[in-house]
Amino acid sequence: MDNKKINNCLQSSYIRRYTLTDGTENGLKVIELCNENLRVLLNESKALDIMQVWHKGVNVSFISKNGFTAREIPFLNRFEGGMLYTCGIDSMGRQEGYELHGYFHNTPAKVISVLQEDDKLQVKAVMHCSSLFGENLSFERTFTLKNDTFSLEDKLINNGTKAEKYCLLYHTNFGYPMLDEGTEIIADIDKVFPVDENAEKLLANRTVFRAPIDNEPEKCYYLENNQNFVSVVNKKLGKKVTVTYSKETLPVLVQWNSDASQDYALGIEPSTSRLGNELTYKHIEPNQTINFSISLDFKEI
């Protein structure tokens, strides 16, 4: 520790693991990482997905009115949003015969290392996705926090003897106060494809968020992004968050606008494919490893 004014590293950063005990959260295992700029909660019980993020004390993430739950109940009753909800590996969106957005998020993580080294905080975990007479996949996830940035480096590995299909979507969710009336979505977009007529009708409102409207339907768009990043800017709050992703393995970008009262959320969602009826699967060969990454960089403006 170079700074001789710091007696214990807990004064500037820490990693803590604990189990929640109240209400629907009872039993959820959480890993908390905190430095001088960012505080992040990881859900060890749910694929090491990101529960909530604060930047310099300000909440950035969308938390649905469901809150967090350890219960296995229908998707719409338990979807928490969170800063990151990983969708897949078997399905994304609505598809007959599959759970909405797939089973992966509900896969518990096995933590294999925790590292605190100077200003870098890091957690590594693995999730196993397998079935009798079926697939034998593992998913290695490394979460790293440093200064004003955090990142996920993911590896999908086929440990089996035959090719397997997969799909993945990184459901990154912004909420109030980072998301507010006037929040802008900035990216080098070549083409926009509204998912339905309602989204097409409100296409002009896609890049500047509106104030909440009671009972307003959600809107989804597929974006052809010329770059591998998207920025979310709140000038009133003085914050900019840039989402960067591995475009070569996540070629499709989905934008989810929910400007409904009490369901106020923005999703920036890099994906392997479009969703629902347009879903197409990728394939991973035996002994093959496929890499995915996503990072969020926070700046004051």
C-alpha atoms as a PDB file:
ATOM      1  CA  MET A   1       0.000   0.000   0.000  1.00  0.00           C
ATOM      2  CA  ASP A   2       1.796   3.138  -1.252  1.00  0.00           C
ATOM      3  CA  ASN A   3      -0.353   5.712   0.545  1.00  0.00           C
ATOM      4  CA  LYS A   4       1.056   5.891   4.079  1.00  0.00           C
ATOM      5  CA  LYS A   5      -2.003   7.825   5.251  1.00  0.00           C
ATOM      6  CA  ILE A   6      -4.159   4.738   4.790  1.00  0.00           C
ATOM      7  CA  ASN A   7      -3.927   2.406   7.775  1.00  0.00           C
ATOM      8  CA  ASN A   8      -6.146  -0.320   6.318  1.00  0.00           C
ATOM      9  CA  CYS A   9      -7.272  -0.916   2.732  1.00  0.00           C
ATOM     10  CA  LEU A  10     -10.890  -0.846   3.986  1.00  0.00           C
ATOM     11  CA  GLN A  11     -10.550   2.928   4.134  1.00  0.00           C
ATOM     12  CA  SER A  12     -10.379   3.115   0.328  1.00  0.00           C
ATOM     13  CA  SER A  13     -11.814  -0.149  -1.063  1.00  0.00           C
ATOM     14  CA  TYR A  14     -13.119  -3.558  -0.091  1.00  0.00           C
ATOM     15  CA  ILE A  15     -14.753  -6.816  -1.167  1.00  0.00           C
ATOM     16  CA  ARG A  16     -17.349  -8.385   1.124  1.00  0.00           C
ATOM     17  CA  ARG A  17     -19.467 -11.530   0.822  1.00  0.00           C
ATOM     18  CA  TYR A  18     -22.706 -11.940   2.728  1.00  0.00           C
ATOM     19  CA  THR A  19     -26.147 -13.539   2.625  1.00  0.00           C
ATOM     20  CA  LEU A  20     -29.358 -11.510   2.645  1.00  0.00           C
ATOM     21  CA  THR A  21     -31.927 -12.491   5.269  1.00  0.00           C
ATOM     22  CA  ASP A  22     -35.062 -10.348   4.867  1.00  0.00           C
ATOM     23  CA  GLY A  23     -38.294 -11.120   3.014  1.00  0.00           C
ATOM     24  CA  THR A  24     -38.079 -12.345  -0.568  1.00  0.00           C
ATOM     25  CA  GLU A  25     -34.302 -11.694  -0.577  1.00  0.00           C
ATOM     26  CA  ASN A  26     -33.745 -14.327   2.115  1.00  0.00           C
ATOM     27  CA  GLY A  27     -30.956 -16.675   1.066  1.00  0.00           C
ATOM     28  CA  LEU A  28     -29.450 -14.633  -1.766  1.00  0.00           C
ATOM     29  CA  LYS A  29     -25.647 -14.599  -1.657  1.00  0.00           C
ATOM     30  CA  VAL A  30     -24.123 -11.212  -2.457  1.00  0.00           C
ATOM     31  CA  ILE A  31     -20.599 -10.016  -3.209  1.00  0.00           C
ATOM     32  CA  GLU A  32     -20.099  -6.301  -2.618  1.00  0.00           C
ATOM     33  CA  LEU A  33     -17.200  -4.424  -4.230  1.00  0.00           C
ATOM     34  CA  CYS A  34     -16.516  -0.815  -3.354  1.00  0.00           C
ATOM     35  CA  ASN A  35     -13.837   1.744  -4.110  1.00  0.00           C
ATOM     36  CA  GLU A  36     -13.796   5.530  -3.839  1.00  0.00           C
ATOM     37  CA  ASN A  37     -16.011   5.939  -6.919  1.00  0.00           C
ATOM     38  CA  LEU A  38     -18.107   2.807  -7.428  1.00  0.00           C
ATOM     39  CA  ARG A  39     -20.139   0.470  -5.260  1.00  0.00           C
ATOM     40  CA  VAL A  40     -21.327  -2.728  -6.966  1.00  0.00           C
ATOM     41  CA  LEU A  41     -23.439  -5.660  -5.732  1.00  0.00           C
ATOM     42  CA  LEU A  42     -22.965  -9.002  -7.506  1.00  0.00           C
ATOM     43  CA  ASN A  43     -25.561 -11.760  -7.185  1.00  0.00           C
ATOM     44  CA  GLU A  44     -23.636 -14.935  -6.397  1.00  0.00           C
ATOM     45  CA  SER A  45     -26.898 -16.893  -6.342  1.00  0.00           C
ATOM     46  CA  LYS A  46     -27.825 -15.694  -9.845  1.00  0.00           C
ATOM     47  CA  ALA A  47     -24.946 -16.179 -12.318  1.00  0.00           C
ATOM     48  CA  LEU A  48     -22.807 -13.423 -10.735  1.00  0.00           C
ATOM     49  CA  ASP A  49     -25.088 -10.920 -12.469  1.00  0.00           C
ATOM     50  CA  ILE A  50     -24.957  -7.311 -11.286  1.00  0.00           C
ATOM     51  CA  MET A  51     -27.693  -6.376  -8.831  1.00  0.00           C
ATOM     52  CA  GLN A  52     -27.065  -2.683  -8.298  1.00  0.00           C
ATOM     53  CA  VAL A  53     -24.465   0.023  -8.992  1.00  0.00           C
ATOM     54  CA  TRP A  54     -23.852   3.423  -7.423  1.00  0.00           C
ATOM     55  CA  HIS A  55     -21.405   5.949  -8.884  1.00  0.00           C
ATOM     56  CA  LYS A  56     -20.212   8.439  -6.276  1.00  0.00           C
ATOM     57  CA  GLY A  57     -23.311   7.661  -4.211  1.00  0.00           C
ATOM     58  CA  VAL A  58     -25.821   7.988  -7.070  1.00  0.00           C
ATOM     59  CA  ASN A  59     -27.868   4.973  -8.168  1.00  0.00           C
ATOM     60  CA  VAL A  60     -27.412   4.061 -11.833  1.00  0.00           C
ATOM     61  CA  SER A  61     -29.315   0.778 -12.152  1.00  0.00           C
ATOM     62  CA  PHE A  62     -32.969  -0.117 -12.703  1.00  0.00           C
ATOM     63  CA  ILE A  63     -34.569  -2.152  -9.918  1.00  0.00           C
ATOM     64  CA  SER A  64     -38.067  -3.337 -10.746  1.00  0.00           C
ATOM     65  CA  LYS A  65     -40.926  -3.124  -8.271  1.00  0.00           C
ATOM     66  CA  ASN A  66     -40.448  -6.863  -7.697  1.00  0.00           C
ATOM     67  CA  GLY A  67     -37.134  -6.185  -5.983  1.00  0.00           C
ATOM     68  CA  PHE A  68     -34.787  -9.144  -5.557  1.00  0.00           C
ATOM     69  CA  THR A  69     -35.995 -12.621  -4.753  1.00  0.00           C
ATOM     70  CA  ALA A  70     -34.526 -16.040  -4.106  1.00  0.00           C
ATOM     71  CA  ARG A  71     -37.850 -17.683  -4.994  1.00  0.00           C
ATOM     72  CA  GLU A  72     -38.397 -19.638  -8.200  1.00  0.00           C
ATOM     73  CA  ILE A  73     -41.609 -17.974  -9.375  1.00  0.00           C
ATOM     74  CA  PRO A  74     -42.864 -16.826 -12.827  1.00  0.00           C
ATOM     75  CA  PHE A  75     -40.546 -14.416 -14.662  1.00  0.00           C
ATOM     76  CA  LEU A  76     -42.791 -11.336 -14.601  1.00  0.00           C
ATOM     77  CA  ASN A  77     -43.197 -11.699 -10.819  1.00  0.00           C
ATOM     78  CA  ARG A  78     -39.486 -12.046 -10.104  1.00  0.00           C
ATOM     79  CA  PHE A  79     -37.653 -10.088 -12.838  1.00  0.00           C
ATOM     80  CA  GLU A  80     -35.581  -7.620 -10.838  1.00  0.00           C
ATOM     81  CA  GLY A  81     -33.878  -5.863 -13.692  1.00  0.00           C
ATOM     82  CA  GLY A  82     -30.652  -5.060 -11.913  1.00  0.00           C
ATOM     83  CA  MET A  83     -27.665  -3.470 -13.611  1.00  0.00           C
ATOM     84  CA  LEU A  84     -27.090  -6.673 -15.586  1.00  0.00           C
ATOM     85  CA  TYR A  85     -29.394  -9.646 -16.178  1.00  0.00           C
ATOM     86  CA  THR A  86     -27.764 -12.230 -18.465  1.00  0.00           C
ATOM     87  CA  CYS A  87     -30.276 -13.914 -20.798  1.00  0.00           C
ATOM     88  CA  GLY A  88     -29.781 -17.314 -22.475  1.00  0.00           C
ATOM     89  CA  ILE A  89     -28.205 -19.819 -22.941  1.00  0.00           C
ATOM     90  CA  ASP A  90     -31.192 -21.841 -24.132  1.00  0.00           C
ATOM     91  CA  SER A  91     -33.495 -18.970 -25.156  1.00  0.00           C
ATOM     92  CA  MET A  92     -33.991 -15.190 -25.215  1.00  0.00           C
ATOM     93  CA  GLY A  93     -37.177 -13.171 -25.297  1.00  0.00           C
ATOM     94  CA  ARG A  94     -40.480 -15.049 -25.607  1.00  0.00           C
ATOM     95  CA  GLN A  95     -40.211 -18.463 -27.230  1.00  0.00           C
ATOM     96  CA  GLU A  96     -42.710 -21.272 -26.858  1.00  0.00           C
ATOM     97  CA  GLY A  97     -41.496 -24.075 -24.605  1.00  0.00           C
ATOM     98  CA  TYR A  98     -38.840 -21.933 -22.886  1.00  0.00           C
ATOM     99  CA  GLU A  99     -38.749 -19.690 -19.849  1.00  0.00           C
ATOM    100  CA  LEU A 100     -38.881 -16.014 -20.777  1.00  0.00           C
ATOM    101  CA  HIS A 101     -35.257 -14.899 -21.356  1.00  0.00           C
ATOM    102  CA  GLY A 102     -33.893 -18.389 -20.621  1.00  0.00           C
ATOM    103  CA  TYR A 103     -32.600 -20.199 -17.542  1.00  0.00           C
ATOM    104  CA  PHE A 104     -29.025 -18.882 -17.285  1.00  0.00           C
ATOM    105  CA  HIS A 105     -29.663 -16.021 -14.842  1.00  0.00           C
ATOM    106  CA  ASN A 106     -31.000 -18.517 -12.296  1.00  0.00           C
ATOM    107  CA  THR A 107     -27.803 -20.577 -12.358  1.00  0.00           C
ATOM    108  CA  PRO A 108     -25.827 -20.203  -9.089  1.00  0.00           C
ATOM    109  CA  ALA A 109     -22.211 -19.106  -9.436  1.00  0.00           C
ATOM    110  CA  LYS A 110     -19.324 -21.042  -7.928  1.00  0.00           C
ATOM    111  CA  VAL A 111     -16.736 -18.462  -6.884  1.00  0.00           C
ATOM    112  CA  ILE A 112     -13.200 -19.641  -7.638  1.00  0.00           C
ATOM    113  CA  SER A 113     -11.176 -16.542  -6.668  1.00  0.00           C
ATOM    114  CA  VAL A 114     -11.476 -13.134  -5.028  1.00  0.00           C
ATOM    115  CA  LEU A 115      -8.673 -10.608  -5.453  1.00  0.00           C
ATOM    116  CA  GLN A 116      -8.023  -7.189  -3.951  1.00  0.00           C
ATOM    117  CA  GLU A 117      -4.808  -5.746  -5.346  1.00  0.00           C
ATOM    118  CA  ASP A 118      -4.061  -2.036  -4.955  1.00  0.00           C
ATOM    119  CA  ASP A 119      -6.902  -0.275  -6.847  1.00  0.00           C
ATOM    120  CA  LYS A 120      -8.140  -3.431  -8.647  1.00  0.00           C
ATOM    121  CA  LEU A 121     -10.974  -5.550  -7.232  1.00  0.00           C
ATOM    122  CA  GLN A 122     -11.730  -8.833  -9.003  1.00  0.00           C
ATOM    123  CA  VAL A 123     -14.037 -11.828  -8.635  1.00  0.00           C
ATOM    124  CA  LYS A 124     -13.940 -14.983 -10.762  1.00  0.00           C
ATOM    125  CA  ALA A 125     -16.708 -17.582 -10.887  1.00  0.00           C
ATOM    126  CA  VAL A 126     -17.958 -20.467 -12.982  1.00  0.00           C
ATOM    127  CA  MET A 127     -21.487 -21.615 -13.866  1.00  0.00           C
ATOM    128  CA  HIS A 128     -22.232 -25.088 -15.213  1.00  0.00           C
ATOM    129  CA  CYS A 129     -24.953 -25.570 -17.821  1.00  0.00           C
ATOM    130  CA  SER A 130     -25.546 -29.265 -18.414  1.00  0.00           C
ATOM    131  CA  SER A 131     -28.179 -31.975 -18.728  1.00  0.00           C
ATOM    132  CA  LEU A 132     -28.310 -35.780 -18.667  1.00  0.00           C
ATOM    133  CA  PHE A 133     -27.547 -37.064 -22.185  1.00  0.00           C
ATOM    134  CA  GLY A 134     -27.333 -33.431 -23.274  1.00  0.00           C
ATOM    135  CA  GLU A 135     -25.034 -30.416 -23.217  1.00  0.00           C
ATOM    136  CA  ASN A 136     -21.958 -30.042 -21.025  1.00  0.00           C
ATOM    137  CA  LEU A 137     -21.149 -26.332 -21.058  1.00  0.00           C
ATOM    138  CA  SER A 138     -19.369 -24.153 -18.545  1.00  0.00           C
ATOM    139  CA  PHE A 139     -19.400 -20.376 -18.313  1.00  0.00           C
ATOM    140  CA  GLU A 140     -16.426 -18.662 -16.700  1.00  0.00           C
ATOM    141  CA  ARG A 141     -17.039 -15.084 -15.602  1.00  0.00           C
ATOM    142  CA  THR A 142     -14.455 -12.572 -14.404  1.00  0.00           C
ATOM    143  CA  PHE A 143     -15.675  -9.288 -12.905  1.00  0.00           C
ATOM    144  CA  THR A 144     -13.107  -6.511 -12.486  1.00  0.00           C
ATOM    145  CA  LEU A 145     -13.596  -3.097 -10.875  1.00  0.00           C
ATOM    146  CA  LYS A 146     -10.988  -0.340 -11.112  1.00  0.00           C
ATOM    147  CA  ASN A 147     -11.348   3.408 -10.630  1.00  0.00           C
ATOM    148  CA  ASP A 148     -14.519   4.482 -12.562  1.00  0.00           C
ATOM    149  CA  THR A 149     -14.840   1.349 -14.696  1.00  0.00           C
ATOM    150  CA  PHE A 150     -16.017  -2.206 -14.271  1.00  0.00           C
ATOM    151  CA  SER A 151     -15.928  -5.044 -16.765  1.00  0.00           C
ATOM    152  CA  LEU A 152     -17.076  -8.601 -17.341  1.00  0.00           C
ATOM    153  CA  GLU A 153     -14.903 -11.059 -19.270  1.00  0.00           C
ATOM    154  CA  ASP A 154     -16.892 -14.207 -20.034  1.00  0.00           C
ATOM    155  CA  LYS A 155     -15.848 -17.536 -21.542  1.00  0.00           C
ATOM    156  CA  LEU A 156     -18.359 -20.084 -22.842  1.00  0.00           C
ATOM    157  CA  ILE A 157     -16.676 -23.506 -22.995  1.00  0.00           C
ATOM    158  CA  ASN A 158     -17.997 -26.706 -24.553  1.00  0.00           C
ATOM    159  CA  ASN A 159     -16.740 -29.592 -22.415  1.00  0.00           C
ATOM    160  CA  GLY A 160     -18.878 -32.117 -24.287  1.00  0.00           C
ATOM    161  CA  THR A 161     -18.419 -34.350 -27.312  1.00  0.00           C
ATOM    162  CA  LYS A 162     -20.790 -32.672 -29.778  1.00  0.00           C
ATOM    163  CA  ALA A 163     -21.613 -29.192 -31.014  1.00  0.00           C
ATOM    164  CA  GLU A 164     -24.201 -27.299 -28.962  1.00  0.00           C
ATOM    165  CA  LYS A 165     -26.421 -24.341 -29.777  1.00  0.00           C
ATOM    166  CA  TYR A 166     -26.470 -21.216 -27.604  1.00  0.00           C
ATOM    167  CA  CYS A 167     -27.692 -17.628 -27.425  1.00  0.00           C
ATOM    168  CA  LEU A 168     -26.752 -14.782 -25.078  1.00  0.00           C
ATOM    169  CA  LEU A 169     -28.050 -11.302 -24.333  1.00  0.00           C
ATOM    170  CA  TYR A 170     -26.520  -8.877 -21.827  1.00  0.00           C
ATOM    171  CA  HIS A 171     -29.587  -7.076 -20.441  1.00  0.00           C
ATOM    172  CA  THR A 172     -27.945  -3.902 -19.056  1.00  0.00           C
ATOM    173  CA  ASN A 173     -30.521  -1.717 -17.288  1.00  0.00           C
ATOM    174  CA  PHE A 174     -30.481   1.969 -16.292  1.00  0.00           C
ATOM    175  CA  GLY A 175     -32.879   3.509 -13.789  1.00  0.00           C
ATOM    176  CA  TYR A 176     -33.581   6.752 -11.938  1.00  0.00           C
ATOM    177  CA  PRO A 177     -31.838   9.077 -11.204  1.00  0.00           C
ATOM    178  CA  MET A 178     -29.338   8.198 -13.956  1.00  0.00           C
ATOM    179  CA  LEU A 179     -32.366   7.649 -16.172  1.00  0.00           C
ATOM    180  CA  ASP A 180     -34.585  10.713 -16.184  1.00  0.00           C
ATOM    181  CA  GLU A 181     -36.504  13.006 -18.478  1.00  0.00           C
ATOM    182  CA  GLY A 182     -33.949  14.273 -21.012  1.00  0.00           C
ATOM    183  CA  THR A 183     -31.448  11.430 -20.605  1.00  0.00           C
ATOM    184  CA  GLU A 184     -29.817  10.849 -24.002  1.00  0.00           C
ATOM    185  CA  ILE A 185     -28.753   7.626 -25.727  1.00  0.00           C
ATOM    186  CA  ILE A 186     -25.774   8.414 -27.961  1.00  0.00           C
ATOM    187  CA  ALA A 187     -24.270   5.985 -30.484  1.00  0.00           C
ATOM    188  CA  ASP A 188     -23.085   5.829 -34.084  1.00  0.00           C
ATOM    189  CA  ILE A 189     -26.197   4.065 -35.361  1.00  0.00           C
ATOM    190  CA  ASP A 190     -26.550   3.256 -39.056  1.00  0.00           C
ATOM    191  CA  LYS A 191     -30.046   1.729 -39.058  1.00  0.00           C
ATOM    192  CA  VAL A 192     -32.885   1.320 -36.534  1.00  0.00           C
ATOM    193  CA  PHE A 193     -35.480  -1.441 -36.747  1.00  0.00           C
ATOM    194  CA  PRO A 194     -38.547  -0.959 -34.487  1.00  0.00           C
ATOM    195  CA  VAL A 195     -39.829  -4.290 -33.153  1.00  0.00           C
ATOM    196  CA  ASP A 196     -43.522  -3.386 -33.491  1.00  0.00           C
ATOM    197  CA  GLU A 197     -45.910  -0.637 -34.616  1.00  0.00           C
ATOM    198  CA  ASN A 198     -45.884   1.110 -31.252  1.00  0.00           C
ATOM    199  CA  ALA A 199     -42.081   1.331 -31.289  1.00  0.00           C
ATOM    200  CA  GLU A 200     -42.183   2.639 -34.854  1.00  0.00           C
ATOM    201  CA  LYS A 201     -44.732   5.292 -33.945  1.00  0.00           C
ATOM    202  CA  LEU A 202     -42.438   6.610 -31.192  1.00  0.00           C
ATOM    203  CA  LEU A 203     -39.184   6.263 -33.121  1.00  0.00           C
ATOM    204  CA  ALA A 204     -38.515   9.993 -32.821  1.00  0.00           C
ATOM    205  CA  ASN A 205     -38.395   9.611 -29.021  1.00  0.00           C
ATOM    206  CA  ARG A 206     -35.854   6.760 -29.060  1.00  0.00           C
ATOM    207  CA  THR A 207     -32.724   8.748 -28.215  1.00  0.00           C
ATOM    208  CA  VAL A 208     -34.092  11.228 -25.647  1.00  0.00           C
ATOM    209  CA  PHE A 209     -36.007   9.726 -22.749  1.00  0.00           C
ATOM    210  CA  ARG A 210     -39.425  11.036 -21.785  1.00  0.00           C
ATOM    211  CA  ALA A 211     -40.960  11.608 -18.357  1.00  0.00           C
ATOM    212  CA  PRO A 212     -42.939   8.615 -17.028  1.00  0.00           C
ATOM    213  CA  ILE A 213     -46.401   8.028 -18.487  1.00  0.00           C
ATOM    214  CA  ASP A 214     -49.003   5.888 -16.737  1.00  0.00           C
ATOM    215  CA  ASN A 215     -49.588   2.510 -18.413  1.00  0.00           C
ATOM    216  CA  GLU A 216     -47.306   3.292 -21.370  1.00  0.00           C
ATOM    217  CA  PRO A 217     -46.312   0.186 -23.402  1.00  0.00           C
ATOM    218  CA  GLU A 218     -42.641  -0.753 -23.679  1.00  0.00           C
ATOM    219  CA  LYS A 219     -40.717  -0.141 -26.921  1.00  0.00           C
ATOM    220  CA  CYS A 220     -37.882  -2.221 -28.385  1.00  0.00           C
ATOM    221  CA  TYR A 221     -35.486  -1.467 -31.234  1.00  0.00           C
ATOM    222  CA  TYR A 222     -32.745  -3.362 -33.036  1.00  0.00           C
ATOM    223  CA  LEU A 223     -29.797  -1.087 -33.775  1.00  0.00           C
ATOM    224  CA  GLU A 224     -27.037  -1.440 -36.346  1.00  0.00           C
ATOM    225  CA  ASN A 225     -24.150   0.111 -34.456  1.00  0.00           C
ATOM    226  CA  ASN A 226     -21.086   1.204 -36.403  1.00  0.00           C
ATOM    227  CA  GLN A 227     -19.014   1.115 -33.211  1.00  0.00           C
ATOM    228  CA  ASN A 228     -18.819  -1.231 -30.214  1.00  0.00           C
ATOM    229  CA  PHE A 229     -20.118   1.193 -27.602  1.00  0.00           C
ATOM    230  CA  VAL A 230     -23.154   3.240 -26.560  1.00  0.00           C
ATOM    231  CA  SER A 231     -23.231   6.179 -24.149  1.00  0.00           C
ATOM    232  CA  VAL A 232     -26.042   7.123 -21.783  1.00  0.00           C
ATOM    233  CA  VAL A 233     -25.814  10.814 -20.830  1.00  0.00           C
ATOM    234  CA  ASN A 234     -27.675  12.695 -18.123  1.00  0.00           C
ATOM    235  CA  LYS A 235     -26.596  16.346 -18.382  1.00  0.00           C
ATOM    236  CA  LYS A 236     -28.793  17.420 -15.484  1.00  0.00           C
ATOM    237  CA  LEU A 237     -27.084  14.886 -13.226  1.00  0.00           C
ATOM    238  CA  GLY A 238     -23.703  15.525 -14.839  1.00  0.00           C
ATOM    239  CA  LYS A 239     -22.969  11.874 -15.597  1.00  0.00           C
ATOM    240  CA  LYS A 240     -22.079   9.813 -18.649  1.00  0.00           C
ATOM    241  CA  VAL A 241     -21.952   6.006 -18.732  1.00  0.00           C
ATOM    242  CA  THR A 242     -20.423   4.282 -21.755  1.00  0.00           C
ATOM    243  CA  VAL A 243     -21.291   0.636 -22.410  1.00  0.00           C
ATOM    244  CA  THR A 244     -18.614  -1.144 -24.467  1.00  0.00           C
ATOM    245  CA  TYR A 245     -19.060  -4.716 -25.700  1.00  0.00           C
ATOM    246  CA  SER A 246     -17.450  -7.424 -27.838  1.00  0.00           C
ATOM    247  CA  LYS A 247     -19.237  -6.700 -31.095  1.00  0.00           C
ATOM    248  CA  GLU A 248     -17.615  -9.651 -32.869  1.00  0.00           C
ATOM    249  CA  THR A 249     -19.411 -12.125 -30.569  1.00  0.00           C
ATOM    250  CA  LEU A 250     -22.382  -9.866 -29.703  1.00  0.00           C
ATOM    251  CA  PRO A 251     -23.275  -8.452 -33.149  1.00  0.00           C
ATOM    252  CA  VAL A 252     -26.875  -7.432 -32.390  1.00  0.00           C
ATOM    253  CA  LEU A 253     -27.723  -4.412 -30.226  1.00  0.00           C
ATOM    254  CA  VAL A 254     -31.160  -4.125 -28.632  1.00  0.00           C
ATOM    255  CA  GLN A 255     -32.548  -0.961 -27.039  1.00  0.00           C
ATOM    256  CA  TRP A 256     -35.434  -1.349 -24.580  1.00  0.00           C
ATOM    257  CA  ASN A 257     -37.355   1.809 -23.650  1.00  0.00           C
ATOM    258  CA  SER A 258     -39.841   1.488 -20.812  1.00  0.00           C
ATOM    259  CA  ASP A 259     -41.101   4.964 -19.970  1.00  0.00           C
ATOM    260  CA  ALA A 260     -44.084   3.671 -18.003  1.00  0.00           C
ATOM    261  CA  SER A 261     -44.699   4.976 -14.498  1.00  0.00           C
ATOM    262  CA  GLN A 262     -43.271   2.539 -11.917  1.00  0.00           C
ATOM    263  CA  ASP A 263     -41.597   0.520 -14.698  1.00  0.00           C
ATOM    264  CA  TYR A 264     -39.210   3.292 -15.744  1.00  0.00           C
ATOM    265  CA  ALA A 265     -36.185   1.683 -17.375  1.00  0.00           C
ATOM    266  CA  LEU A 266     -33.718   1.813 -20.247  1.00  0.00           C
ATOM    267  CA  GLY A 267     -32.067  -1.358 -21.515  1.00  0.00           C
ATOM    268  CA  ILE A 268     -28.890  -1.348 -23.608  1.00  0.00           C
ATOM    269  CA  GLU A 269     -28.582  -5.016 -24.596  1.00  0.00           C
ATOM    270  CA  PRO A 270     -25.744  -6.472 -26.702  1.00  0.00           C
ATOM    271  CA  SER A 271     -26.808  -9.867 -28.018  1.00  0.00           C
ATOM    272  CA  THR A 272     -25.896 -12.785 -30.251  1.00  0.00           C
ATOM    273  CA  SER A 273     -29.222 -12.547 -32.101  1.00  0.00           C
ATOM    274  CA  ARG A 274     -32.571 -10.887 -32.393  1.00  0.00           C
ATOM    275  CA  LEU A 275     -35.240 -12.216 -30.046  1.00  0.00           C
ATOM    276  CA  GLY A 276     -38.439 -14.250 -30.023  1.00  0.00           C
ATOM    277  CA  ASN A 277     -39.567 -15.408 -33.456  1.00  0.00           C
ATOM    278  CA  GLU A 278     -36.397 -13.926 -34.992  1.00  0.00           C
ATOM    279  CA  LEU A 279     -34.067 -15.819 -32.669  1.00  0.00           C
ATOM    280  CA  THR A 280     -31.205 -17.617 -34.396  1.00  0.00           C
ATOM    281  CA  TYR A 281     -28.769 -19.784 -32.473  1.00  0.00           C
ATOM    282  CA  LYS A 282     -24.999 -19.803 -32.627  1.00  0.00           C
ATOM    283  CA  HIS A 283     -23.051 -23.061 -32.257  1.00  0.00           C
ATOM    284  CA  ILE A 284     -20.043 -24.012 -30.179  1.00  0.00           C
ATOM    285  CA  GLU A 285     -17.920 -27.023 -31.105  1.00  0.00           C
ATOM    286  CA  PRO A 286     -16.434 -29.576 -28.673  1.00  0.00           C
ATOM    287  CA  ASN A 287     -13.442 -28.130 -26.756  1.00  0.00           C
ATOM    288  CA  GLN A 288     -14.147 -24.680 -28.209  1.00  0.00           C
ATOM    289  CA  THR A 289     -14.091 -21.496 -26.090  1.00  0.00           C
ATOM    290  CA  ILE A 290     -15.980 -18.356 -27.132  1.00  0.00           C
ATOM    291  CA  ASN A 291     -15.222 -15.026 -25.443  1.00  0.00           C
ATOM    292  CA  PHE A 292     -17.645 -12.236 -24.602  1.00  0.00           C
ATOM    293  CA  SER A 293     -17.051  -8.932 -22.836  1.00  0.00           C
ATOM    294  CA  ILE A 294     -18.964  -5.930 -21.607  1.00  0.00           C
ATOM    295  CA  SER A 295     -17.753  -2.930 -19.618  1.00  0.00           C
ATOM    296  CA  LEU A 296     -19.246   0.238 -18.148  1.00  0.00           C
ATOM    297  CA  ASP A 297     -17.177   3.391 -17.814  1.00  0.00           C
ATOM    298  CA  PHE A 298     -18.493   6.240 -15.646  1.00  0.00           C
ATOM    299  CA  LYS A 299     -17.603   9.909 -16.118  1.00  0.00           C
ATOM    300  CA  GLU A 300     -18.707  13.196 -14.627  1.00  0.00           C
ATOM    301  CA  ILE A 301     -19.477  15.829 -17.278  1.00  0.00           C
END
